Protein backbone atom coordinates (compact mmCIF):
# COMPACT_ATOMS: atom_id res chain seq x y z
CA MET A 1 -0.16 0.53 0.12
CA LEU A 2 1.26 3.31 -0.96
CA LYS A 3 0.09 6.64 1.40
CA LYS A 4 0.65 8.89 -0.62
CA THR A 5 0.62 12.51 0.12
CA ILE A 6 -0.54 15.51 -2.06
CA LYS A 7 -0.07 19.57 -1.84
CA TYR A 8 -2.95 21.16 -3.70
CA VAL A 9 -5.10 23.87 -3.61
CA ASP A 10 -9.29 23.10 -3.45
CA TYR A 11 -12.11 24.81 -4.73
CA ASN A 12 -12.55 27.32 -2.13
CA GLY A 13 -8.97 28.54 -2.55
CA GLN A 14 -7.93 26.96 0.19
CA ASP A 15 -4.11 25.57 0.28
CA ARG A 16 -4.74 21.50 1.20
CA GLU A 17 -1.94 19.32 2.37
CA GLU A 18 -3.87 15.17 2.54
CA ASP A 19 -2.77 11.66 2.64
CA PHE A 20 -4.61 9.62 0.04
CA TYR A 21 -4.06 5.19 -0.58
CA PHE A 22 -3.55 3.44 -3.44
CA ASP A 23 -3.07 -0.33 -3.51
CA LEU A 24 -3.37 -3.63 -5.64
CA SER A 25 -3.55 -6.91 -4.23
CA GLU A 26 -2.49 -9.68 -6.18
CA ALA A 27 -5.72 -10.57 -6.95
CA GLU A 28 -6.28 -7.69 -8.58
CA LEU A 29 -3.70 -7.61 -10.35
CA ILE A 30 -4.02 -11.21 -11.92
CA GLU A 31 -7.43 -9.38 -13.48
CA MET A 32 -5.46 -6.68 -14.46
CA ASP A 33 -2.47 -9.22 -16.24
CA VAL A 34 -5.55 -11.69 -17.84
CA ASN A 35 -7.41 -8.60 -19.24
CA GLU A 36 -4.26 -7.90 -21.74
CA PRO A 37 -3.56 -10.10 -24.88
CA ASP A 38 0.05 -9.37 -23.43
CA GLY A 39 -0.54 -9.49 -20.22
CA PHE A 40 -0.58 -5.74 -17.71
CA GLU A 41 3.17 -5.38 -18.29
CA GLY A 42 2.81 -6.30 -21.71
CA LYS A 43 0.76 -3.34 -22.17
CA MET A 44 2.67 -1.01 -19.94
CA LYS A 45 5.93 -1.23 -21.98
CA ARG A 46 3.96 -1.23 -25.13
CA VAL A 47 2.25 1.84 -24.23
CA MET A 48 5.01 3.46 -22.62
CA GLY A 49 7.08 2.94 -25.37
CA SER A 50 5.01 4.22 -27.66
CA HIS A 51 5.16 8.04 -26.74
CA ASP A 52 1.06 8.34 -27.16
CA GLY A 53 0.08 11.18 -24.58
CA LYS A 54 -3.79 9.96 -24.87
CA GLN A 55 -3.06 6.29 -23.85
CA ILE A 56 -0.26 6.78 -21.34
CA MET A 57 -2.86 8.99 -20.35
CA ALA A 58 -5.37 6.50 -20.72
CA MET A 59 -3.37 3.92 -18.75
CA PHE A 60 -2.36 6.15 -15.73
CA LYS A 61 -6.12 7.11 -15.28
CA ASP A 62 -6.80 2.97 -14.97
CA PHE A 63 -4.00 2.45 -12.91
CA ILE A 64 -5.38 5.76 -10.00
CA ARG A 65 -9.23 4.25 -10.62
CA ALA A 66 -7.97 0.75 -10.07
CA SER A 67 -5.74 1.88 -7.29
CA TYR A 68 -7.22 4.27 -4.83
CA GLY A 69 -9.02 3.67 -1.99
CA GLU A 70 -10.38 4.67 1.71
CA LYS A 71 -8.65 2.61 4.47
CA SER A 72 -10.72 2.19 7.46
CA PRO A 73 -9.13 3.19 10.77
CA ASP A 74 -8.21 0.31 11.78
CA GLY A 75 -6.10 -1.11 8.82
CA LYS A 76 -8.60 -3.77 8.79
CA TYR A 77 -9.76 -3.02 4.96
CA PHE A 78 -9.54 -0.82 1.92
CA ASP A 79 -12.61 0.20 0.49
CA LYS A 80 -12.59 0.55 -3.17
CA SER A 81 -15.78 1.18 -5.73
CA GLU A 82 -16.50 2.99 -8.64
CA GLU A 83 -18.04 6.06 -6.63
CA ILE A 84 -14.85 6.42 -4.03
CA SER A 85 -12.70 6.75 -7.98
CA ARG A 86 -15.31 8.91 -9.08
CA ARG A 87 -15.35 10.81 -6.31
CA PHE A 88 -11.16 11.20 -6.09
CA GLU A 89 -11.39 12.20 -9.64
CA HIS A 90 -13.05 15.05 -8.72
CA THR A 91 -10.59 16.80 -6.35
CA LYS A 92 -7.51 18.87 -7.40
CA ALA A 93 -5.56 16.84 -5.82
CA TYR A 94 -6.68 13.64 -7.81
CA ASN A 95 -5.36 16.44 -10.93
CA VAL A 96 -2.09 17.01 -9.02
CA LEU A 97 -1.24 13.10 -8.73
CA PHE A 98 -2.17 12.61 -12.29
CA MET A 99 -0.51 15.65 -13.65
CA GLU A 100 3.00 14.46 -12.29
CA LEU A 101 2.93 10.67 -13.52
CA CYS A 102 2.02 11.73 -17.44
CA THR A 103 4.95 14.23 -16.75
CA ASP A 104 7.60 12.65 -15.38
CA ALA A 105 8.85 9.48 -15.58
CA LYS A 106 10.87 8.73 -12.56
CA LYS A 107 7.97 10.25 -10.46
CA ALA A 108 5.57 7.31 -12.65
CA ALA A 109 7.50 4.53 -11.79
CA ASP A 110 8.26 5.34 -8.39
CA PHE A 111 4.39 5.59 -8.20
CA VAL A 112 3.13 2.22 -10.02
CA SER A 113 6.38 0.03 -8.19
CA SER A 114 4.40 1.23 -5.07
CA VAL A 115 1.79 0.13 -5.53
CA MET A 116 2.40 -3.19 -7.54
CA PRO A 117 1.83 -6.24 -5.39
CA PHE A 118 5.40 -6.97 -6.51
CA SER A 119 7.79 -9.34 -4.43
CA ASN A 120 11.62 -7.88 -3.94
CA ASP A 121 13.17 -9.02 -7.26
CA GLN A 122 9.86 -8.64 -9.14
CA ARG A 123 10.19 -4.55 -7.97
CA LYS A 124 14.02 -4.82 -9.08
CA GLU A 125 13.01 -6.30 -12.55
CA PHE A 126 10.28 -3.55 -12.86
CA ASP A 127 12.89 -0.89 -11.78
CA LYS A 128 14.72 -2.23 -14.18
CA MET A 129 12.70 -2.05 -17.12
CA VAL A 130 11.44 1.17 -16.39
CA GLY A 131 14.75 2.44 -15.98
CA ASP A 132 15.54 1.09 -19.24
CA MET A 133 13.03 2.27 -21.01
CA THR A 134 13.47 6.14 -19.98
CA GLU A 135 17.67 5.47 -20.75
CA LYS A 136 15.76 5.17 -24.22
CA ASP A 137 14.28 8.21 -24.40
CA ASP A 138 15.20 11.50 -25.68
CA THR A 139 12.27 13.59 -23.41
CA GLU A 140 14.60 12.94 -20.36
CA THR A 141 12.24 12.19 -17.27
CA LYS A 142 8.78 13.50 -19.00
CA VAL A 143 6.79 10.71 -19.60
CA MET A 144 4.82 12.43 -22.30
CA PRO A 145 5.11 15.87 -23.84
CA ILE A 146 2.42 18.42 -22.68
CA THR A 147 0.73 20.33 -25.64
CA ASP A 148 -2.18 22.31 -26.12
CA ASN A 149 -3.24 19.73 -28.83
CA GLN A 150 -3.23 16.68 -26.38
CA GLY A 151 -6.17 18.49 -23.96
CA VAL A 152 -4.46 18.73 -21.22
């Protein structure tokens, strides 16, 4: 589970700093894996390698939706639902996170790596894969270019 502190300005113009929680269980990862022809990791490689801003944004949006939830105070459960995800998507905190993931490859890789239910070996392999991909990228640490014609 990743606890991410996000600083943002809310719709009332108030500065806020809140903790948000993201997690994928092994069962959820298996479901994501079997729903992709080349598995979830293959999809990530394909989308990130394409540098197609629309596909990258859609992938991060889906990943955030799948992993965001509300942790019970006693830590016994992590509540996820369409409604919970939708409410989060309508916050300024979501906007801050989304833009961070779409524009900074290192932060995006760290976020995904922290949320995924990897063993230590799997995490090292994932981090190496992302490192190799970003080394080949001429845009340095950018995941995708943000320009007016991409609707962001």
